[in-house]
Amino acid sequence: MYGSIISATDPVAVVCLLKELGASRRLATLIEGESLLNDGTAMVVFLVLLAIAEGEEASIGGIIAQFIRLALGGPAIGLIAGVVVSFMLSRIHNNFVLEVNTTIFASYLLFFLTENTEIHVSGILAIVAFGLYMSNIGKTRISTESEHAVHHVWGFIGFVAETVIFILTGLIMG
């Protein structure tokens, strides 16, 4: 279990270095996305090993079934959510407040539903699949007038989340 916890990677230093060197934003996005997939996979492995340690899954078949449910169920639900949100965004025209709130609400609702209900699949992998779908197909459903606002709000949310994580890490470790 300890190995699964420490296996998650942190791309922040690499992405900052890429920005300083003038590398393309696409490369930084690929590195960040790969790190998110690593984090999701590490969480799935941790949950499977935790279930084994607690004696919940005693058979090999049960362990494999739980791993498949966590690892494939999350991305499947994330893709379904991406299709639904894309449809919703295609029905909203030139209302950046509603478009921003739809993407934020959908992300948090998706994570809550996957992690805290009877569905119980990987919320991290669901959000990664949702984000990948929205960045490729879903962003075409956002009106051009609202695209700038959506991009800036999500950039701010990412910055605040990283800052809070580093502050909490410093408080806990320090």
N, C-alpha and C. Protein backbone atom coordinates (compact mmCIF):
# COMPACT_ATOMS: atom_id res chain seq x y z
N MET A 1 0.83 -1.19 0.00
CA MET A 1 0.00 0.00 0.00
C MET A 1 0.87 1.25 0.00
N TYR A 2 1.97 1.19 0.72
CA TYR A 2 2.87 2.34 0.76
C TYR A 2 3.41 2.66 -0.64
N GLY A 3 3.76 1.62 -1.39
CA GLY A 3 4.26 1.81 -2.75
C GLY A 3 3.25 2.48 -3.66
N SER A 4 1.97 2.16 -3.49
CA SER A 4 0.95 2.81 -4.32
C SER A 4 0.78 4.27 -3.94
N ILE A 5 0.97 4.59 -2.67
CA ILE A 5 0.84 5.97 -2.22
C ILE A 5 1.97 6.84 -2.78
N ILE A 6 3.20 6.34 -2.72
CA ILE A 6 4.32 7.17 -3.16
C ILE A 6 4.58 7.10 -4.66
N SER A 7 3.82 6.25 -5.38
CA SER A 7 4.05 6.14 -6.82
C SER A 7 3.45 7.29 -7.62
N ALA A 8 2.55 8.06 -7.02
CA ALA A 8 1.93 9.18 -7.74
C ALA A 8 3.00 10.25 -8.01
N THR A 9 2.98 10.79 -9.21
CA THR A 9 3.99 11.77 -9.60
C THR A 9 3.45 13.19 -9.53
N ASP A 10 4.34 14.15 -9.40
CA ASP A 10 3.96 15.56 -9.34
C ASP A 10 4.62 16.30 -10.49
N PRO A 11 3.84 16.77 -11.46
CA PRO A 11 4.41 17.39 -12.65
C PRO A 11 4.67 18.89 -12.52
N VAL A 12 4.44 19.48 -11.36
CA VAL A 12 4.49 20.93 -11.22
C VAL A 12 5.87 21.48 -11.60
N ALA A 13 6.94 20.88 -11.09
CA ALA A 13 8.28 21.38 -11.40
C ALA A 13 8.61 21.22 -12.88
N VAL A 14 8.20 20.10 -13.46
CA VAL A 14 8.47 19.86 -14.88
C VAL A 14 7.73 20.87 -15.74
N VAL A 15 6.46 21.13 -15.41
CA VAL A 15 5.65 22.07 -16.19
C VAL A 15 6.22 23.49 -16.07
N CYS A 16 6.67 23.88 -14.87
CA CYS A 16 7.29 25.20 -14.70
C CYS A 16 8.56 25.32 -15.53
N LEU A 17 9.36 24.26 -15.56
CA LEU A 17 10.58 24.26 -16.36
C LEU A 17 10.25 24.36 -17.85
N LEU A 18 9.23 23.67 -18.28
CA LEU A 18 8.82 23.74 -19.68
C LEU A 18 8.37 25.15 -20.06
N LYS A 19 7.66 25.82 -19.15
CA LYS A 19 7.23 27.20 -19.41
C LYS A 19 8.43 28.13 -19.54
N GLU A 20 9.42 27.95 -18.66
CA GLU A 20 10.63 28.78 -18.73
C GLU A 20 11.40 28.56 -20.01
N LEU A 21 11.40 27.32 -20.51
CA LEU A 21 12.14 27.00 -21.73
C LEU A 21 11.35 27.35 -22.99
N GLY A 22 10.09 27.72 -22.83
CA GLY A 22 9.27 28.11 -23.98
C GLY A 22 8.70 26.94 -24.75
N ALA A 23 8.55 25.80 -24.09
CA ALA A 23 7.98 24.63 -24.75
C ALA A 23 6.49 24.87 -25.00
N SER A 24 5.93 24.07 -25.88
CA SER A 24 4.52 24.26 -26.23
C SER A 24 3.62 23.92 -25.04
N ARG A 25 2.49 24.58 -25.00
CA ARG A 25 1.51 24.35 -23.94
C ARG A 25 0.94 22.94 -24.06
N ARG A 26 0.86 22.44 -25.26
CA ARG A 26 0.34 21.09 -25.48
C ARG A 26 1.19 20.03 -24.78
N LEU A 27 2.51 20.19 -24.81
CA LEU A 27 3.41 19.26 -24.14
C LEU A 27 3.17 19.29 -22.64
N ALA A 28 3.03 20.48 -22.08
CA ALA A 28 2.78 20.61 -20.64
C ALA A 28 1.44 19.96 -20.28
N THR A 29 0.44 20.13 -21.13
CA THR A 29 -0.87 19.53 -20.88
C THR A 29 -0.78 18.01 -20.92
N LEU A 30 -0.02 17.47 -21.85
CA LEU A 30 0.16 16.02 -21.93
C LEU A 30 0.84 15.48 -20.68
N ILE A 31 1.84 16.19 -20.18
CA ILE A 31 2.54 15.75 -18.97
C ILE A 31 1.61 15.81 -17.77
N GLU A 32 0.83 16.87 -17.65
CA GLU A 32 -0.12 16.97 -16.54
C GLU A 32 -1.19 15.89 -16.63
N GLY A 33 -1.67 15.62 -17.83
CA GLY A 33 -2.68 14.57 -18.01
C GLY A 33 -2.14 13.19 -17.67
N GLU A 34 -0.90 12.93 -18.06
CA GLU A 34 -0.28 11.64 -17.73
C GLU A 34 -0.13 11.50 -16.23
N SER A 35 0.20 12.58 -15.56
CA SER A 35 0.31 12.55 -14.11
C SER A 35 -1.03 12.27 -13.44
N LEU A 36 -2.11 12.84 -13.99
CA LEU A 36 -3.44 12.57 -13.45
C LEU A 36 -3.82 11.10 -13.61
N LEU A 37 -3.48 10.52 -14.76
CA LEU A 37 -3.75 9.10 -14.96
C LEU A 37 -2.95 8.25 -13.98
N ASN A 38 -1.69 8.64 -13.73
CA ASN A 38 -0.88 7.93 -12.74
C ASN A 38 -1.51 8.03 -11.36
N ASP A 39 -1.99 9.22 -10.99
CA ASP A 39 -2.63 9.41 -9.69
C ASP A 39 -3.87 8.53 -9.56
N GLY A 40 -4.68 8.51 -10.60
CA GLY A 40 -5.89 7.69 -10.58
C GLY A 40 -5.58 6.21 -10.46
N THR A 41 -4.59 5.76 -11.20
CA THR A 41 -4.20 4.36 -11.15
C THR A 41 -3.63 4.01 -9.78
N ALA A 42 -2.82 4.91 -9.22
CA ALA A 42 -2.27 4.68 -7.88
C ALA A 42 -3.39 4.56 -6.84
N MET A 43 -4.42 5.39 -7.00
CA MET A 43 -5.55 5.33 -6.07
C MET A 43 -6.32 4.02 -6.21
N VAL A 44 -6.50 3.55 -7.43
CA VAL A 44 -7.18 2.27 -7.65
C VAL A 44 -6.39 1.14 -7.02
N VAL A 45 -5.08 1.12 -7.23
CA VAL A 45 -4.24 0.08 -6.64
C VAL A 45 -4.29 0.15 -5.12
N PHE A 46 -4.26 1.36 -4.57
CA PHE A 46 -4.34 1.52 -3.12
C PHE A 46 -5.65 0.97 -2.58
N LEU A 47 -6.77 1.29 -3.23
CA LEU A 47 -8.07 0.82 -2.75
C LEU A 47 -8.19 -0.70 -2.82
N VAL A 48 -7.65 -1.30 -3.87
CA VAL A 48 -7.68 -2.76 -3.98
C VAL A 48 -6.83 -3.38 -2.88
N LEU A 49 -5.64 -2.84 -2.66
CA LEU A 49 -4.77 -3.38 -1.61
C LEU A 49 -5.35 -3.15 -0.22
N LEU A 50 -6.03 -2.03 -0.02
CA LEU A 50 -6.69 -1.76 1.26
C LEU A 50 -7.79 -2.78 1.51
N ALA A 51 -8.56 -3.08 0.48
CA ALA A 51 -9.63 -4.09 0.63
C ALA A 51 -9.03 -5.45 0.98
N ILE A 52 -7.89 -5.78 0.39
CA ILE A 52 -7.23 -7.05 0.70
C ILE A 52 -6.75 -7.05 2.14
N ALA A 53 -6.12 -5.94 2.57
CA ALA A 53 -5.60 -5.85 3.93
C ALA A 53 -6.71 -5.91 4.98
N GLU A 54 -7.87 -5.36 4.65
CA GLU A 54 -9.01 -5.39 5.58
C GLU A 54 -9.79 -6.69 5.49
N GLY A 55 -9.41 -7.57 4.57
CA GLY A 55 -10.06 -8.87 4.44
C GLY A 55 -11.37 -8.84 3.68
N GLU A 56 -11.67 -7.74 2.98
CA GLU A 56 -12.92 -7.65 2.24
C GLU A 56 -12.90 -8.53 1.00
N GLU A 57 -11.80 -8.54 0.29
CA GLU A 57 -11.68 -9.34 -0.94
C GLU A 57 -10.69 -10.46 -0.68
N ALA A 58 -11.20 -11.68 -0.56
CA ALA A 58 -10.33 -12.80 -0.24
C ALA A 58 -9.97 -13.62 -1.47
N SER A 59 -10.80 -13.59 -2.49
CA SER A 59 -10.54 -14.42 -3.66
C SER A 59 -9.87 -13.61 -4.76
N ILE A 60 -9.14 -14.30 -5.60
CA ILE A 60 -8.49 -13.66 -6.74
C ILE A 60 -9.53 -13.06 -7.67
N GLY A 61 -10.62 -13.76 -7.90
CA GLY A 61 -11.69 -13.26 -8.76
C GLY A 61 -12.30 -11.98 -8.23
N GLY A 62 -12.49 -11.91 -6.92
CA GLY A 62 -13.04 -10.70 -6.30
C GLY A 62 -12.09 -9.52 -6.42
N ILE A 63 -10.80 -9.79 -6.28
CA ILE A 63 -9.79 -8.74 -6.40
C ILE A 63 -9.75 -8.21 -7.83
N ILE A 64 -9.76 -9.10 -8.79
CA ILE A 64 -9.74 -8.70 -10.20
C ILE A 64 -11.01 -7.95 -10.55
N ALA A 65 -12.16 -8.41 -10.05
CA ALA A 65 -13.43 -7.74 -10.33
C ALA A 65 -13.43 -6.32 -9.75
N GLN A 66 -12.92 -6.16 -8.53
CA GLN A 66 -12.88 -4.83 -7.93
C GLN A 66 -11.94 -3.91 -8.71
N PHE A 67 -10.79 -4.43 -9.13
CA PHE A 67 -9.85 -3.62 -9.90
C PHE A 67 -10.48 -3.18 -11.22
N ILE A 68 -11.14 -4.09 -11.91
CA ILE A 68 -11.77 -3.76 -13.19
C ILE A 68 -12.89 -2.74 -12.98
N ARG A 69 -13.70 -2.94 -11.93
CA ARG A 69 -14.80 -2.00 -11.66
C ARG A 69 -14.26 -0.61 -11.38
N LEU A 70 -13.22 -0.50 -10.56
CA LEU A 70 -12.65 0.80 -10.23
C LEU A 70 -11.94 1.43 -11.43
N ALA A 71 -11.13 0.63 -12.12
CA ALA A 71 -10.29 1.16 -13.20
C ALA A 71 -11.05 1.47 -14.48
N LEU A 72 -12.07 0.69 -14.81
CA LEU A 72 -12.82 0.92 -16.04
C LEU A 72 -14.15 1.63 -15.82
N GLY A 73 -14.72 1.45 -14.64
CA GLY A 73 -16.00 2.09 -14.35
C GLY A 73 -15.89 3.60 -14.29
N GLY A 74 -14.84 4.11 -13.66
CA GLY A 74 -14.66 5.55 -13.57
C GLY A 74 -14.55 6.23 -14.92
N PRO A 75 -13.65 5.78 -15.79
CA PRO A 75 -13.58 6.39 -17.13
C PRO A 75 -14.87 6.25 -17.93
N ALA A 76 -15.56 5.13 -17.79
CA ALA A 76 -16.82 4.96 -18.53
C ALA A 76 -17.86 5.98 -18.08
N ILE A 77 -18.00 6.16 -16.79
CA ILE A 77 -18.96 7.15 -16.28
C ILE A 77 -18.50 8.56 -16.63
N GLY A 78 -17.18 8.81 -16.62
CA GLY A 78 -16.66 10.11 -17.01
C GLY A 78 -16.99 10.45 -18.46
N LEU A 79 -16.88 9.47 -19.34
CA LEU A 79 -17.22 9.69 -20.75
C LEU A 79 -18.72 9.94 -20.93
N ILE A 80 -19.53 9.20 -20.20
CA ILE A 80 -20.98 9.42 -20.27
C ILE A 80 -21.31 10.83 -19.79
N ALA A 81 -20.68 11.25 -18.70
CA ALA A 81 -20.91 12.61 -18.19
C ALA A 81 -20.45 13.65 -19.21
N GLY A 82 -19.36 13.38 -19.90
CA GLY A 82 -18.87 14.30 -20.93
C GLY A 82 -19.88 14.48 -22.05
N VAL A 83 -20.49 13.38 -22.47
CA VAL A 83 -21.51 13.45 -23.53
C VAL A 83 -22.71 14.27 -23.05
N VAL A 84 -23.15 14.02 -21.82
CA VAL A 84 -24.31 14.74 -21.27
C VAL A 84 -24.02 16.23 -21.14
N VAL A 85 -22.86 16.56 -20.58
CA VAL A 85 -22.51 17.97 -20.38
C VAL A 85 -22.31 18.66 -21.73
N SER A 86 -21.72 17.98 -22.69
CA SER A 86 -21.56 18.56 -24.02
C SER A 86 -22.91 18.89 -24.63
N PHE A 87 -23.87 17.99 -24.46
CA PHE A 87 -25.21 18.26 -24.97
C PHE A 87 -25.82 19.47 -24.26
N MET A 88 -25.65 19.53 -22.95
CA MET A 88 -26.18 20.66 -22.20
C MET A 88 -25.54 21.97 -22.66
N LEU A 89 -24.23 21.95 -22.86
CA LEU A 89 -23.53 23.17 -23.30
C LEU A 89 -23.96 23.59 -24.70
N SER A 90 -24.29 22.62 -25.55
CA SER A 90 -24.73 22.98 -26.91
C SER A 90 -26.09 23.68 -26.89
N ARG A 91 -26.85 23.51 -25.82
CA ARG A 91 -28.16 24.15 -25.70
C ARG A 91 -28.07 25.55 -25.07
N ILE A 92 -26.91 25.90 -24.53
CA ILE A 92 -26.72 27.21 -23.91
C ILE A 92 -26.00 28.10 -24.92
N HIS A 93 -26.49 29.28 -25.16
CA HIS A 93 -25.88 30.17 -26.15
C HIS A 93 -25.47 31.49 -25.51
N ASN A 94 -24.19 31.80 -25.59
CA ASN A 94 -23.63 33.10 -25.19
C ASN A 94 -23.98 33.50 -23.76
N ASN A 95 -23.92 32.57 -22.86
CA ASN A 95 -24.15 32.86 -21.45
C ASN A 95 -22.98 32.27 -20.67
N PHE A 96 -21.90 33.08 -20.54
CA PHE A 96 -20.67 32.54 -19.95
C PHE A 96 -20.84 32.13 -18.50
N VAL A 97 -21.70 32.79 -17.75
CA VAL A 97 -21.91 32.42 -16.35
C VAL A 97 -22.51 31.02 -16.26
N LEU A 98 -23.50 30.76 -17.07
CA LEU A 98 -24.15 29.45 -17.06
C LEU A 98 -23.21 28.36 -17.59
N GLU A 99 -22.41 28.68 -18.59
CA GLU A 99 -21.48 27.69 -19.14
C GLU A 99 -20.37 27.36 -18.15
N VAL A 100 -19.84 28.36 -17.48
CA VAL A 100 -18.80 28.11 -16.47
C VAL A 100 -19.39 27.30 -15.32
N ASN A 101 -20.55 27.70 -14.84
CA ASN A 101 -21.17 26.98 -13.72
C ASN A 101 -21.54 25.55 -14.09
N THR A 102 -21.93 25.32 -15.33
CA THR A 102 -22.26 23.96 -15.77
C THR A 102 -21.03 23.07 -15.70
N THR A 103 -19.90 23.56 -16.17
CA THR A 103 -18.69 22.73 -16.15
C THR A 103 -18.21 22.48 -14.72
N ILE A 104 -18.29 23.49 -13.87
CA ILE A 104 -17.85 23.32 -12.47
C ILE A 104 -18.79 22.36 -11.74
N PHE A 105 -20.09 22.60 -11.85
CA PHE A 105 -21.07 21.75 -11.18
C PHE A 105 -20.95 20.31 -11.65
N ALA A 106 -20.82 20.11 -12.94
CA ALA A 106 -20.72 18.75 -13.49
C ALA A 106 -19.49 18.03 -12.95
N SER A 107 -18.38 18.74 -12.84
CA SER A 107 -17.15 18.11 -12.35
C SER A 107 -17.31 17.66 -10.90
N TYR A 108 -17.81 18.53 -10.06
CA TYR A 108 -17.97 18.17 -8.65
C TYR A 108 -19.05 17.11 -8.45
N LEU A 109 -20.15 17.22 -9.20
CA LEU A 109 -21.20 16.21 -9.09
C LEU A 109 -20.68 14.84 -9.55
N LEU A 110 -19.92 14.82 -10.64
CA LEU A 110 -19.36 13.57 -11.13
C LEU A 110 -18.46 12.92 -10.09
N PHE A 111 -17.57 13.69 -9.48
CA PHE A 111 -16.67 13.13 -8.47
C PHE A 111 -17.46 12.62 -7.28
N PHE A 112 -18.44 13.40 -6.83
CA PHE A 112 -19.25 12.97 -5.68
C PHE A 112 -19.99 11.67 -5.99
N LEU A 113 -20.63 11.61 -7.15
CA LEU A 113 -21.40 10.42 -7.49
C LEU A 113 -20.54 9.17 -7.61
N THR A 114 -19.36 9.31 -8.17
CA THR A 114 -18.51 8.13 -8.36
C THR A 114 -17.84 7.66 -7.08
N GLU A 115 -17.53 8.57 -6.19
CA GLU A 115 -16.81 8.19 -4.97
C GLU A 115 -17.71 7.93 -3.76
N ASN A 116 -18.83 8.64 -3.66
CA ASN A 116 -19.59 8.63 -2.41
C ASN A 116 -20.98 8.03 -2.52
N THR A 117 -21.26 7.31 -3.57
CA THR A 117 -22.55 6.65 -3.70
C THR A 117 -22.32 5.16 -3.92
N GLU A 118 -23.38 4.44 -4.17
CA GLU A 118 -23.27 3.00 -4.39
C GLU A 118 -22.53 2.65 -5.69
N ILE A 119 -22.36 3.62 -6.57
CA ILE A 119 -21.62 3.38 -7.81
C ILE A 119 -20.19 2.99 -7.45
N HIS A 120 -19.56 3.72 -6.60
CA HIS A 120 -18.21 3.52 -6.05
C HIS A 120 -17.19 3.00 -7.07
N VAL A 121 -16.88 3.89 -8.02
CA VAL A 121 -15.79 3.65 -8.96
C VAL A 121 -14.76 4.76 -8.75
N SER A 122 -13.70 4.76 -9.49
CA SER A 122 -12.64 5.75 -9.30
C SER A 122 -13.10 7.14 -9.76
N GLY A 123 -13.26 8.04 -8.81
CA GLY A 123 -13.64 9.41 -9.12
C GLY A 123 -12.54 10.16 -9.86
N ILE A 124 -11.30 9.86 -9.52
CA ILE A 124 -10.17 10.52 -10.18
C ILE A 124 -10.16 10.16 -11.66
N LEU A 125 -10.28 8.87 -11.96
CA LEU A 125 -10.27 8.45 -13.37
C LEU A 125 -11.52 8.94 -14.09
N ALA A 126 -12.65 9.05 -13.39
CA ALA A 126 -13.85 9.59 -14.02
C ALA A 126 -13.64 11.05 -14.40
N ILE A 127 -13.03 11.82 -13.53
CA ILE A 127 -12.76 13.23 -13.81
C ILE A 127 -11.74 13.38 -14.93
N VAL A 128 -10.73 12.51 -14.95
CA VAL A 128 -9.74 12.57 -16.04
C VAL A 128 -10.41 12.27 -17.38
N ALA A 129 -11.24 11.23 -17.44
CA ALA A 129 -11.94 10.91 -18.70
C ALA A 129 -12.88 12.04 -19.09
N PHE A 130 -13.58 12.60 -18.11
CA PHE A 130 -14.47 13.73 -18.37
C PHE A 130 -13.68 14.92 -18.92
N GLY A 131 -12.55 15.21 -18.30
CA GLY A 131 -11.71 16.33 -18.75
C GLY A 131 -11.16 16.11 -20.15
N LEU A 132 -10.73 14.89 -20.45
CA LEU A 132 -10.22 14.59 -21.79
C LEU A 132 -11.32 14.73 -22.83
N TYR A 133 -12.51 14.25 -22.51
CA TYR A 133 -13.62 14.38 -23.44
C TYR A 133 -13.97 15.85 -23.66
N MET A 134 -14.03 16.60 -22.57
CA MET A 134 -14.40 18.01 -22.68
C MET A 134 -13.32 18.82 -23.40
N SER A 135 -12.06 18.46 -23.23
CA SER A 135 -11.00 19.22 -23.90
C SER A 135 -10.94 18.92 -25.39
N ASN A 136 -11.43 17.77 -25.81
CA ASN A 136 -11.41 17.43 -27.23
C ASN A 136 -12.73 17.73 -27.93
N ILE A 137 -13.82 17.23 -27.39
CA ILE A 137 -15.12 17.35 -28.06
C ILE A 137 -16.00 18.38 -27.37
N GLY A 138 -16.01 18.39 -26.06
CA GLY A 138 -16.90 19.27 -25.32
C GLY A 138 -16.61 20.73 -25.49
N LYS A 139 -15.34 21.08 -25.70
CA LYS A 139 -15.02 22.51 -25.82
C LYS A 139 -15.61 23.12 -27.09
N THR A 140 -15.93 22.29 -28.07
CA THR A 140 -16.56 22.82 -29.28
C THR A 140 -18.01 23.20 -29.02
N ARG A 141 -18.57 22.74 -27.91
CA ARG A 141 -19.96 23.06 -27.57
C ARG A 141 -20.07 24.37 -26.79
N ILE A 142 -18.94 24.87 -26.30
CA ILE A 142 -18.93 26.14 -25.58
C ILE A 142 -18.91 27.27 -26.59
N SER A 143 -19.75 28.25 -26.40
CA SER A 143 -19.81 29.35 -27.36
C SER A 143 -18.50 30.12 -27.37
N THR A 144 -18.13 30.66 -28.51
CA THR A 144 -16.86 31.38 -28.65
C THR A 144 -16.80 32.60 -27.74
N GLU A 145 -17.94 33.21 -27.46
CA GLU A 145 -17.97 34.36 -26.57
C GLU A 145 -17.66 33.96 -25.13
N SER A 146 -17.95 32.74 -24.76
CA SER A 146 -17.76 32.26 -23.39
C SER A 146 -16.47 31.49 -23.19
N GLU A 147 -15.84 31.08 -24.27
CA GLU A 147 -14.66 30.22 -24.17
C GLU A 147 -13.54 30.85 -23.34
N HIS A 148 -13.32 32.13 -23.52
CA HIS A 148 -12.27 32.84 -22.79
C HIS A 148 -12.56 32.82 -21.29
N ALA A 149 -13.80 33.09 -20.91
CA ALA A 149 -14.18 33.12 -19.50
C ALA A 149 -14.04 31.73 -18.87
N VAL A 150 -14.49 30.70 -19.57
CA VAL A 150 -14.39 29.33 -19.05
C VAL A 150 -12.93 28.96 -18.83
N HIS A 151 -12.09 29.29 -19.80
CA HIS A 151 -10.66 28.97 -19.70
C HIS A 151 -10.03 29.68 -18.49
N HIS A 152 -10.34 30.95 -18.30
CA HIS A 152 -9.74 31.70 -17.18
C HIS A 152 -10.25 31.23 -15.82
N VAL A 153 -11.53 30.92 -15.73
CA VAL A 153 -12.06 30.44 -14.45
C VAL A 153 -11.42 29.11 -14.07
N TRP A 154 -11.31 28.19 -15.03
CA TRP A 154 -10.69 26.90 -14.72
C TRP A 154 -9.19 27.06 -14.43
N GLY A 155 -8.54 27.99 -15.10
CA GLY A 155 -7.14 28.27 -14.78
C GLY A 155 -6.98 28.77 -13.35
N PHE A 156 -7.89 29.63 -12.93
CA PHE A 156 -7.87 30.13 -11.55
C PHE A 156 -8.15 29.02 -10.55
N ILE A 157 -9.13 28.16 -10.85
CA ILE A 157 -9.44 27.05 -9.96
C ILE A 157 -8.23 26.13 -9.81
N GLY A 158 -7.54 25.85 -10.93
CA GLY A 158 -6.34 25.02 -10.87
C GLY A 158 -5.25 25.65 -10.04
N PHE A 159 -5.05 26.95 -10.20
CA PHE A 159 -4.03 27.66 -9.42
C PHE A 159 -4.35 27.61 -7.93
N VAL A 160 -5.59 27.88 -7.57
CA VAL A 160 -5.99 27.86 -6.16
C VAL A 160 -5.84 26.45 -5.58
N ALA A 161 -6.24 25.44 -6.34
CA ALA A 161 -6.14 24.06 -5.86
C ALA A 161 -4.68 23.67 -5.60
N GLU A 162 -3.79 24.01 -6.53
CA GLU A 162 -2.37 23.71 -6.33
C GLU A 162 -1.82 24.46 -5.13
N THR A 163 -2.20 25.71 -4.97
CA THR A 163 -1.72 26.49 -3.84
C THR A 163 -2.18 25.90 -2.52
N VAL A 164 -3.45 25.54 -2.44
CA VAL A 164 -3.98 24.96 -1.21
C VAL A 164 -3.28 23.64 -0.90
N ILE A 165 -3.05 22.82 -1.91
CA ILE A 165 -2.38 21.54 -1.69
C ILE A 165 -0.97 21.76 -1.15
N PHE A 166 -0.23 22.70 -1.72
CA PHE A 166 1.13 22.94 -1.24
C PHE A 166 1.13 23.55 0.16
N ILE A 167 0.18 24.41 0.48
CA ILE A 167 0.09 24.97 1.83
C ILE A 167 -0.22 23.88 2.83
N LEU A 168 -1.21 23.04 2.53
CA LEU A 168 -1.55 21.95 3.43
C LEU A 168 -0.40 20.97 3.60
N THR A 169 0.27 20.67 2.51
CA THR A 169 1.43 19.77 2.59
C THR A 169 2.50 20.37 3.49
N GLY A 170 2.77 21.67 3.32
CA GLY A 170 3.76 22.34 4.15
C GLY A 170 3.36 22.34 5.63
N LEU A 171 2.09 22.56 5.90
CA LEU A 171 1.62 22.55 7.30
C LEU A 171 1.72 21.17 7.92
N ILE A 172 1.35 20.16 7.15
CA ILE A 172 1.39 18.79 7.67
C ILE A 172 2.81 18.30 7.85
N MET A 173 3.67 18.57 6.86
CA MET A 173 5.04 18.09 6.90
C MET A 173 5.94 18.93 7.80
N GLY A 174 5.62 20.23 7.89
CA GLY A 174 6.50 21.17 8.59
C GLY A 174 6.28 21.17 10.03
